[in-house]
All heavy atoms as atom14 arrays in JSON, in Angstrom:
{
  "sequence": "TIQTNIWAKVGVELGPESQYYASAFLIDSEWGCP",
  "atom14_mask": [
    [1, 1, 1, 1, 1, 1, 1, 0, 0, 0, 0, 0, 0, 0],
    [1, 1, 1, 1, 1, 1, 1, 1, 0, 0, 0, 0, 0, 0],
    [1, 1, 1, 1, 1, 1, 1, 1, 1, 0, 0, 0, 0, 0],
    [1, 1, 1, 1, 1, 1, 1, 0, 0, 0, 0, 0, 0, 0],
    [1, 1, 1, 1, 1, 1, 1, 1, 0, 0, 0, 0, 0, 0],
    [1, 1, 1, 1, 1, 1, 1, 1, 0, 0, 0, 0, 0, 0],
    [1, 1, 1, 1, 1, 1, 1, 1, 1, 1, 1, 1, 1, 1],
    [1, 1, 1, 1, 1, 0, 0, 0, 0, 0, 0, 0, 0, 0],
    [1, 1, 1, 1, 1, 1, 1, 1, 1, 0, 0, 0, 0, 0],
    [1, 1, 1, 1, 1, 1, 1, 0, 0, 0, 0, 0, 0, 0],
    [1, 1, 1, 1, 0, 0, 0, 0, 0, 0, 0, 0, 0, 0],
    [1, 1, 1, 1, 1, 1, 1, 0, 0, 0, 0, 0, 0, 0],
    [1, 1, 1, 1, 1, 1, 1, 1, 1, 0, 0, 0, 0, 0],
    [1, 1, 1, 1, 1, 1, 1, 1, 0, 0, 0, 0, 0, 0],
    [1, 1, 1, 1, 0, 0, 0, 0, 0, 0, 0, 0, 0, 0],
    [1, 1, 1, 1, 1, 1, 1, 0, 0, 0, 0, 0, 0, 0],
    [1, 1, 1, 1, 1, 1, 1, 1, 1, 0, 0, 0, 0, 0],
    [1, 1, 1, 1, 1, 1, 0, 0, 0, 0, 0, 0, 0, 0],
    [1, 1, 1, 1, 1, 1, 1, 1, 1, 0, 0, 0, 0, 0],
    [1, 1, 1, 1, 1, 1, 1, 1, 1, 1, 1, 1, 0, 0],
    [1, 1, 1, 1, 1, 1, 1, 1, 1, 1, 1, 1, 0, 0],
    [1, 1, 1, 1, 1, 0, 0, 0, 0, 0, 0, 0, 0, 0],
    [1, 1, 1, 1, 1, 1, 0, 0, 0, 0, 0, 0, 0, 0],
    [1, 1, 1, 1, 1, 0, 0, 0, 0, 0, 0, 0, 0, 0],
    [1, 1, 1, 1, 1, 1, 1, 1, 1, 1, 1, 0, 0, 0],
    [1, 1, 1, 1, 1, 1, 1, 1, 0, 0, 0, 0, 0, 0],
    [1, 1, 1, 1, 1, 1, 1, 1, 0, 0, 0, 0, 0, 0],
    [1, 1, 1, 1, 1, 1, 1, 1, 0, 0, 0, 0, 0, 0],
    [1, 1, 1, 1, 1, 1, 0, 0, 0, 0, 0, 0, 0, 0],
    [1, 1, 1, 1, 1, 1, 1, 1, 1, 0, 0, 0, 0, 0],
    [1, 1, 1, 1, 1, 1, 1, 1, 1, 1, 1, 1, 1, 1],
    [1, 1, 1, 1, 0, 0, 0, 0, 0, 0, 0, 0, 0, 0],
    [1, 1, 1, 1, 1, 1, 0, 0, 0, 0, 0, 0, 0, 0],
    [1, 1, 1, 1, 1, 1, 1, 0, 0, 0, 0, 0, 0, 0]
  ],
  "atom14_positions": [
    [[66.07, -22.77, -58.97], [65.68, -23.73, -58.06], [65.69, -23.22, -56.54], [66.59, -22.47, -56.25], [66.52, -24.98, -58.11], [66.52, -25.64, -59.27], [66.07, -26.12, -56.95], [0.0, 0.0, 0.0], [0.0, 0.0, 0.0], [0.0, 0.0, 0.0], [0.0, 0.0, 0.0], [0.0, 0.0, 0.0], [0.0, 0.0, 0.0], [0.0, 0.0, 0.0]],
    [[64.57, -23.39, -55.94], [64.42, -23.04, -54.45], [64.0, -24.26, -53.67], [63.01, -24.91, -54.08], [63.37, -21.98, -54.32], [63.76, -20.71, -55.08], [63.37, -21.51, -52.76], [62.59, -19.64, -55.17], [0.0, 0.0, 0.0], [0.0, 0.0, 0.0], [0.0, 0.0, 0.0], [0.0, 0.0, 0.0], [0.0, 0.0, 0.0], [0.0, 0.0, 0.0]],
    [[64.81, -24.52, -52.62], [64.52, -25.79, -51.86], [64.7, -25.45, -50.33], [65.77, -24.89, -49.96], [65.28, -26.89, -52.31], [64.82, -28.16, -51.52], [65.71, -29.4, -52.0], [66.76, -29.61, -51.81], [65.12, -30.19, -52.97], [0.0, 0.0, 0.0], [0.0, 0.0, 0.0], [0.0, 0.0, 0.0], [0.0, 0.0, 0.0], [0.0, 0.0, 0.0]],
    [[63.77, -25.88, -49.42], [63.93, -25.63, -48.05], [63.73, -27.17, -47.37], [62.74, -27.92, -47.83], [62.99, -24.91, -47.35], [63.04, -23.5, -47.96], [62.99, -24.79, -45.88], [0.0, 0.0, 0.0], [0.0, 0.0, 0.0], [0.0, 0.0, 0.0], [0.0, 0.0, 0.0], [0.0, 0.0, 0.0], [0.0, 0.0, 0.0], [0.0, 0.0, 0.0]],
    [[64.66, -27.6, -46.63], [64.6, -29.01, -45.94], [64.7, -28.81, -44.5], [65.38, -28.13, -43.9], [65.82, -29.82, -46.53], [65.95, -30.05, -47.82], [64.96, -30.12, -48.65], [67.09, -30.16, -48.48], [0.0, 0.0, 0.0], [0.0, 0.0, 0.0], [0.0, 0.0, 0.0], [0.0, 0.0, 0.0], [0.0, 0.0, 0.0], [0.0, 0.0, 0.0]],
    [[63.78, -29.5, -43.89], [63.7, -29.62, -42.27], [63.69, -31.07, -41.97], [62.9, -31.9, -42.43], [62.52, -28.9, -41.77], [62.43, -27.53, -42.19], [62.45, -29.04, -40.29], [61.14, -26.72, -41.78], [0.0, 0.0, 0.0], [0.0, 0.0, 0.0], [0.0, 0.0, 0.0], [0.0, 0.0, 0.0], [0.0, 0.0, 0.0], [0.0, 0.0, 0.0]],
    [[64.63, -31.44, -41.11], [64.85, -32.94, -40.57], [64.82, -32.82, -39.13], [65.38, -31.99, -38.48], [66.15, -33.53, -41.14], [66.15, -33.65, -42.57], [66.57, -32.6, -43.44], [65.82, -34.73, -43.3], [66.52, -33.07, -44.66], [66.12, -34.35, -44.69], [65.45, -36.01, -43.13], [65.92, -35.13, -45.8], [65.14, -36.83, -44.2], [65.48, -36.43, -45.58]],
    [[64.2, -33.73, -38.43], [64.15, -33.87, -36.9], [64.21, -35.32, -36.49], [63.56, -36.15, -37.26], [62.94, -33.24, -36.38], [0.0, 0.0, 0.0], [0.0, 0.0, 0.0], [0.0, 0.0, 0.0], [0.0, 0.0, 0.0], [0.0, 0.0, 0.0], [0.0, 0.0, 0.0], [0.0, 0.0, 0.0], [0.0, 0.0, 0.0], [0.0, 0.0, 0.0]],
    [[64.92, -35.74, -35.53], [65.05, -37.08, -35.06], [65.17, -36.97, -33.5], [65.95, -36.28, -32.93], [66.3, -37.73, -35.55], [66.48, -39.19, -35.1], [67.75, -39.81, -35.83], [67.83, -41.21, -35.5], [69.03, -41.86, -36.05], [0.0, 0.0, 0.0], [0.0, 0.0, 0.0], [0.0, 0.0, 0.0], [0.0, 0.0, 0.0], [0.0, 0.0, 0.0]],
    [[64.21, -37.74, -32.89], [64.12, -37.79, -31.33], [64.09, -39.17, -31.06], [63.38, -40.05, -31.57], [63.0, -37.14, -30.86], [62.81, -37.04, -29.39], [62.87, -35.59, -31.39], [0.0, 0.0, 0.0], [0.0, 0.0, 0.0], [0.0, 0.0, 0.0], [0.0, 0.0, 0.0], [0.0, 0.0, 0.0], [0.0, 0.0, 0.0], [0.0, 0.0, 0.0]],
    [[64.86, -39.61, -29.98], [64.95, -40.9, -29.56], [65.2, -41.11, -28.11], [65.67, -40.21, -27.3], [0.0, 0.0, 0.0], [0.0, 0.0, 0.0], [0.0, 0.0, 0.0], [0.0, 0.0, 0.0], [0.0, 0.0, 0.0], [0.0, 0.0, 0.0], [0.0, 0.0, 0.0], [0.0, 0.0, 0.0], [0.0, 0.0, 0.0], [0.0, 0.0, 0.0]],
    [[65.07, -42.34, -27.69], [65.43, -42.82, -26.35], [66.08, -44.13, -26.44], [65.77, -45.0, -27.19], [64.14, -43.0, -25.46], [63.1, -44.0, -26.08], [64.55, -43.54, -24.11], [0.0, 0.0, 0.0], [0.0, 0.0, 0.0], [0.0, 0.0, 0.0], [0.0, 0.0, 0.0], [0.0, 0.0, 0.0], [0.0, 0.0, 0.0], [0.0, 0.0, 0.0]],
    [[67.27, -44.28, -25.76], [68.13, -45.36, -25.67], [68.23, -45.93, -24.34], [68.91, -45.45, -23.48], [69.53, -45.02, -26.28], [69.61, -44.56, -27.72], [70.97, -44.32, -28.36], [71.79, -44.58, -27.44], [71.09, -44.03, -29.51], [0.0, 0.0, 0.0], [0.0, 0.0, 0.0], [0.0, 0.0, 0.0], [0.0, 0.0, 0.0], [0.0, 0.0, 0.0]],
    [[67.5, -47.01, -24.13], [67.55, -47.72, -22.7], [68.64, -48.55, -22.64], [69.02, -48.96, -21.52], [66.17, -48.51, -22.64], [64.83, -47.62, -22.84], [63.74, -48.58, -22.88], [64.75, -46.41, -21.77], [0.0, 0.0, 0.0], [0.0, 0.0, 0.0], [0.0, 0.0, 0.0], [0.0, 0.0, 0.0], [0.0, 0.0, 0.0], [0.0, 0.0, 0.0]],
    [[69.3, -48.98, -23.81], [70.42, -49.8, -23.79], [70.91, -49.97, -25.16], [70.29, -49.43, -26.07], [0.0, 0.0, 0.0], [0.0, 0.0, 0.0], [0.0, 0.0, 0.0], [0.0, 0.0, 0.0], [0.0, 0.0, 0.0], [0.0, 0.0, 0.0], [0.0, 0.0, 0.0], [0.0, 0.0, 0.0], [0.0, 0.0, 0.0], [0.0, 0.0, 0.0]],
    [[72.21, -50.69, -25.3], [72.7, -50.86, -26.75], [71.8, -51.44, -27.69], [71.82, -51.19, -28.78], [73.99, -51.72, -26.41], [74.22, -51.54, -24.99], [72.99, -51.28, -24.19], [0.0, 0.0, 0.0], [0.0, 0.0, 0.0], [0.0, 0.0, 0.0], [0.0, 0.0, 0.0], [0.0, 0.0, 0.0], [0.0, 0.0, 0.0], [0.0, 0.0, 0.0]],
    [[70.87, -52.47, -27.15], [69.93, -53.06, -28.07], [68.43, -52.79, -27.53], [67.65, -53.74, -27.65], [70.31, -54.48, -28.15], [71.61, -54.86, -28.81], [71.79, -56.27, -29.08], [71.94, -56.98, -28.06], [72.09, -56.73, -30.22], [0.0, 0.0, 0.0], [0.0, 0.0, 0.0], [0.0, 0.0, 0.0], [0.0, 0.0, 0.0], [0.0, 0.0, 0.0]],
    [[68.27, -51.64, -27.07], [66.88, -51.25, -26.72], [66.76, -49.71, -26.99], [67.12, -48.87, -26.13], [66.65, -51.5, -25.1], [65.32, -51.16, -24.86], [0.0, 0.0, 0.0], [0.0, 0.0, 0.0], [0.0, 0.0, 0.0], [0.0, 0.0, 0.0], [0.0, 0.0, 0.0], [0.0, 0.0, 0.0], [0.0, 0.0, 0.0], [0.0, 0.0, 0.0]],
    [[66.45, -49.51, -28.22], [66.38, -48.09, -28.76], [65.16, -47.86, -29.58], [64.7, -48.7, -30.26], [67.63, -47.82, -29.73], [68.93, -48.17, -29.09], [70.17, -48.04, -29.98], [69.95, -47.56, -31.21], [71.26, -48.37, -29.52], [0.0, 0.0, 0.0], [0.0, 0.0, 0.0], [0.0, 0.0, 0.0], [0.0, 0.0, 0.0], [0.0, 0.0, 0.0]],
    [[64.49, -46.58, -29.34], [63.25, -46.29, -30.09], [63.39, -44.84, -30.6], [64.03, -43.89, -29.87], [62.13, -46.37, -29.26], [61.91, -47.8, -28.64], [62.43, -48.11, -27.47], [61.13, -48.62, -29.36], [62.25, -49.4, -27.04], [60.89, -49.92, -28.99], [61.45, -50.29, -27.69], [61.25, -51.72, -27.22], [0.0, 0.0, 0.0], [0.0, 0.0, 0.0]],
    [[63.13, -44.68, -31.97], [63.31, -43.25, -32.48], [62.03, -42.87, -33.2], [61.35, -43.79, -33.82], [64.46, -43.32, -33.39], [65.84, -43.28, -32.79], [66.53, -44.43, -32.33], [66.31, -41.97, -32.39], [67.78, -44.32, -31.75], [67.55, -41.89, -31.81], [68.32, -43.0, -31.42], [69.42, -43.02, -30.77], [0.0, 0.0, 0.0], [0.0, 0.0, 0.0]],
    [[61.83, -41.58, -33.32], [60.91, -41.0, -34.19], [61.62, -39.93, -35.17], [62.27, -39.08, -34.68], [59.77, -40.19, -33.42], [0.0, 0.0, 0.0], [0.0, 0.0, 0.0], [0.0, 0.0, 0.0], [0.0, 0.0, 0.0], [0.0, 0.0, 0.0], [0.0, 0.0, 0.0], [0.0, 0.0, 0.0], [0.0, 0.0, 0.0], [0.0, 0.0, 0.0]],
    [[61.35, -40.05, -36.37], [61.98, -39.15, -37.31], [60.92, -38.52, -38.19], [59.86, -39.09, -38.44], [63.0, -39.84, -38.26], [64.0, -40.53, -37.5], [0.0, 0.0, 0.0], [0.0, 0.0, 0.0], [0.0, 0.0, 0.0], [0.0, 0.0, 0.0], [0.0, 0.0, 0.0], [0.0, 0.0, 0.0], [0.0, 0.0, 0.0], [0.0, 0.0, 0.0]],
    [[61.16, -37.18, -38.48], [60.22, -36.47, -39.49], [61.13, -35.52, -40.43], [62.11, -35.07, -39.94], [59.26, -35.62, -38.54], [0.0, 0.0, 0.0], [0.0, 0.0, 0.0], [0.0, 0.0, 0.0], [0.0, 0.0, 0.0], [0.0, 0.0, 0.0], [0.0, 0.0, 0.0], [0.0, 0.0, 0.0], [0.0, 0.0, 0.0], [0.0, 0.0, 0.0]],
    [[60.42, -35.41, -41.54], [61.06, -34.52, -42.64], [60.13, -33.66, -43.44], [58.97, -34.16, -43.5], [62.02, -35.35, -43.52], [61.28, -36.25, -44.36], [60.9, -35.87, -45.62], [60.9, -37.5, -44.06], [60.23, -36.69, -46.52], [60.34, -38.46, -44.87], [59.91, -37.97, -46.17], [0.0, 0.0, 0.0], [0.0, 0.0, 0.0], [0.0, 0.0, 0.0]],
    [[60.56, -32.62, -43.81], [59.8, -31.89, -44.91], [60.85, -31.31, -45.95], [61.81, -30.73, -45.65], [59.13, -30.61, -44.21], [58.5, -29.71, -45.15], [57.29, -30.17, -45.9], [58.11, -28.4, -44.33], [0.0, 0.0, 0.0], [0.0, 0.0, 0.0], [0.0, 0.0, 0.0], [0.0, 0.0, 0.0], [0.0, 0.0, 0.0], [0.0, 0.0, 0.0]],
    [[60.54, -31.5, -47.33], [61.26, -31.07, -48.29], [60.31, -30.29, -49.17], [59.37, -30.85, -49.81], [61.81, -32.22, -49.08], [62.68, -33.08, -48.24], [62.68, -31.67, -50.41], [63.26, -34.32, -49.0], [0.0, 0.0, 0.0], [0.0, 0.0, 0.0], [0.0, 0.0, 0.0], [0.0, 0.0, 0.0], [0.0, 0.0, 0.0], [0.0, 0.0, 0.0]],
    [[60.47, -29.0, -49.25], [59.6, -28.11, -50.04], [60.5, -27.46, -51.13], [61.52, -26.7, -50.89], [59.01, -27.15, -49.07], [58.01, -26.24, -49.8], [57.57, -26.52, -50.87], [57.61, -25.22, -49.17], [0.0, 0.0, 0.0], [0.0, 0.0, 0.0], [0.0, 0.0, 0.0], [0.0, 0.0, 0.0], [0.0, 0.0, 0.0], [0.0, 0.0, 0.0]],
    [[60.08, -27.62, -52.4], [60.97, -27.15, -53.56], [59.98, -26.61, -54.58], [58.82, -26.93, -54.65], [61.71, -28.43, -54.12], [62.32, -29.29, -53.14], [0.0, 0.0, 0.0], [0.0, 0.0, 0.0], [0.0, 0.0, 0.0], [0.0, 0.0, 0.0], [0.0, 0.0, 0.0], [0.0, 0.0, 0.0], [0.0, 0.0, 0.0], [0.0, 0.0, 0.0]],
    [[60.62, -25.9, -55.52], [60.1, -25.33, -56.69], [61.21, -25.08, -57.68], [62.26, -24.7, -57.19], [59.26, -24.24, -56.55], [59.95, -22.91, -56.04], [58.95, -21.69, -56.21], [58.7, -21.26, -57.37], [58.49, -21.31, -55.11], [0.0, 0.0, 0.0], [0.0, 0.0, 0.0], [0.0, 0.0, 0.0], [0.0, 0.0, 0.0], [0.0, 0.0, 0.0]],
    [[60.99, -25.36, -59.0], [62.08, -25.09, -59.93], [61.43, -24.88, -61.28], [60.35, -25.3, -61.62], [63.1, -26.18, -59.91], [62.51, -27.56, -60.43], [62.37, -28.04, -61.65], [62.17, -28.58, -59.51], [61.92, -29.36, -61.65], [61.72, -29.68, -60.37], [62.11, -28.82, -58.1], [61.31, -30.89, -59.88], [61.7, -30.03, -57.52], [61.32, -31.12, -58.51]],
    [[62.22, -24.16, -62.19], [61.82, -23.94, -63.46], [62.29, -25.06, -64.37], [63.33, -25.83, -64.04], [0.0, 0.0, 0.0], [0.0, 0.0, 0.0], [0.0, 0.0, 0.0], [0.0, 0.0, 0.0], [0.0, 0.0, 0.0], [0.0, 0.0, 0.0], [0.0, 0.0, 0.0], [0.0, 0.0, 0.0], [0.0, 0.0, 0.0], [0.0, 0.0, 0.0]],
    [[61.72, -25.35, -65.5], [61.92, -26.38, -66.43], [62.26, -25.71, -67.8], [61.32, -25.33, -68.51], [60.77, -27.35, -66.59], [60.17, -28.02, -65.11], [0.0, 0.0, 0.0], [0.0, 0.0, 0.0], [0.0, 0.0, 0.0], [0.0, 0.0, 0.0], [0.0, 0.0, 0.0], [0.0, 0.0, 0.0], [0.0, 0.0, 0.0], [0.0, 0.0, 0.0]],
    [[63.56, -25.35, -68.1], [63.92, -24.61, -69.28], [63.35, -25.24, -70.5], [63.4, -26.53, -70.63], [65.32, -24.54, -69.22], [65.74, -24.85, -67.87], [64.66, -25.69, -67.34], [0.0, 0.0, 0.0], [0.0, 0.0, 0.0], [0.0, 0.0, 0.0], [0.0, 0.0, 0.0], [0.0, 0.0, 0.0], [0.0, 0.0, 0.0], [0.0, 0.0, 0.0]]
  ]
}
């Protein structure tokens, strides 16, 4: 099994109840099936 994961999260917090976020991810895998 070979797997590479990339995660990113960027946000702005204007206050305790004023928050905005952008998240992105990439999961790239390959594996054998015996």
